[in-house]
Amino acid sequence: MDTNCDASLDATKSFISTLIFFISFLGTYVITWVIQYMISKNDIKQINAAIKQLEERGD
């Protein structure tokens, strides 16, 4: 009976460990995506400002 209980406990620990791994991965992915999005958004603003300046010189 103890063997069955130990196997069940091991399965629960494995599931929890796997769940923690995926949550950790997802958290890292989301943080990285947000940082890249903010940097890209800033870059796009700078590019649009440069294009606007070039268009104003051409007029």
Protein backbone atom coordinates (compact mmCIF):
# COMPACT_ATOMS: atom_id res chain seq x y z
CA MET A 1 0.00 0.00 0.00
CA ASP A 2 2.89 2.38 0.74
CA THR A 3 4.32 1.85 -2.73
CA ASN A 4 1.09 3.02 -4.35
CA CYS A 5 0.99 6.08 -2.11
CA ASP A 6 4.64 6.90 -2.89
CA ALA A 7 3.99 6.61 -6.64
CA SER A 8 1.01 8.93 -6.35
CA LEU A 9 3.07 11.43 -4.37
CA ASP A 10 5.88 11.28 -6.94
CA ALA A 11 3.39 11.86 -9.76
CA THR A 12 1.98 14.88 -7.92
CA LYS A 13 5.47 16.29 -7.33
CA SER A 14 6.34 15.76 -11.01
CA PHE A 15 3.15 17.50 -12.10
CA ILE A 16 3.78 20.45 -9.78
CA SER A 17 7.40 20.71 -10.95
CA THR A 18 6.30 20.66 -14.59
CA LEU A 19 3.64 23.28 -13.89
CA ILE A 20 6.18 25.54 -12.17
CA PHE A 21 8.54 25.12 -15.14
CA PHE A 22 5.87 26.16 -17.65
CA ILE A 23 4.72 29.11 -15.53
CA SER A 24 8.34 30.25 -15.20
CA PHE A 25 8.89 29.91 -18.95
CA LEU A 26 5.67 31.75 -19.74
CA GLY A 27 6.56 34.55 -17.32
CA THR A 28 9.98 34.97 -18.89
CA TYR A 29 8.44 34.95 -22.37
CA VAL A 30 5.87 37.61 -21.48
CA ILE A 31 8.45 39.88 -19.83
CA THR A 32 10.77 39.57 -22.84
CA TRP A 33 7.90 40.27 -25.25
CA VAL A 34 6.83 43.39 -23.33
CA ILE A 35 10.40 44.76 -23.28
CA GLN A 36 10.83 44.11 -27.01
CA TYR A 37 7.43 45.70 -27.73
CA MET A 38 8.32 48.85 -25.80
CA ILE A 39 11.70 49.14 -27.54
CA SER A 40 10.14 48.56 -30.97
CA LYS A 41 7.40 51.10 -30.28
CA ASN A 42 10.02 53.71 -29.36
CA ASP A 43 12.06 52.88 -32.47
CA ILE A 44 9.00 53.22 -34.71
CA LYS A 45 8.27 56.66 -33.20
CA GLN A 46 11.84 57.76 -33.96
CA ILE A 47 11.67 56.41 -37.53
CA ASN A 48 8.34 58.14 -38.15
CA ALA A 49 9.77 61.42 -36.81
CA ALA A 50 12.78 61.10 -39.14
CA ILE A 51 10.53 60.36 -42.12
CA LYS A 52 8.36 63.36 -41.26
CA GLN A 53 11.45 65.60 -41.16
CA LEU A 54 12.58 64.31 -44.55
CA GLU A 55 9.16 64.90 -46.03
CA GLU A 56 9.10 68.47 -44.68
CA ARG A 57 12.50 69.19 -46.25
CA GLY A 58 11.28 67.86 -49.58
CA ASP A 59 8.24 70.14 -49.68
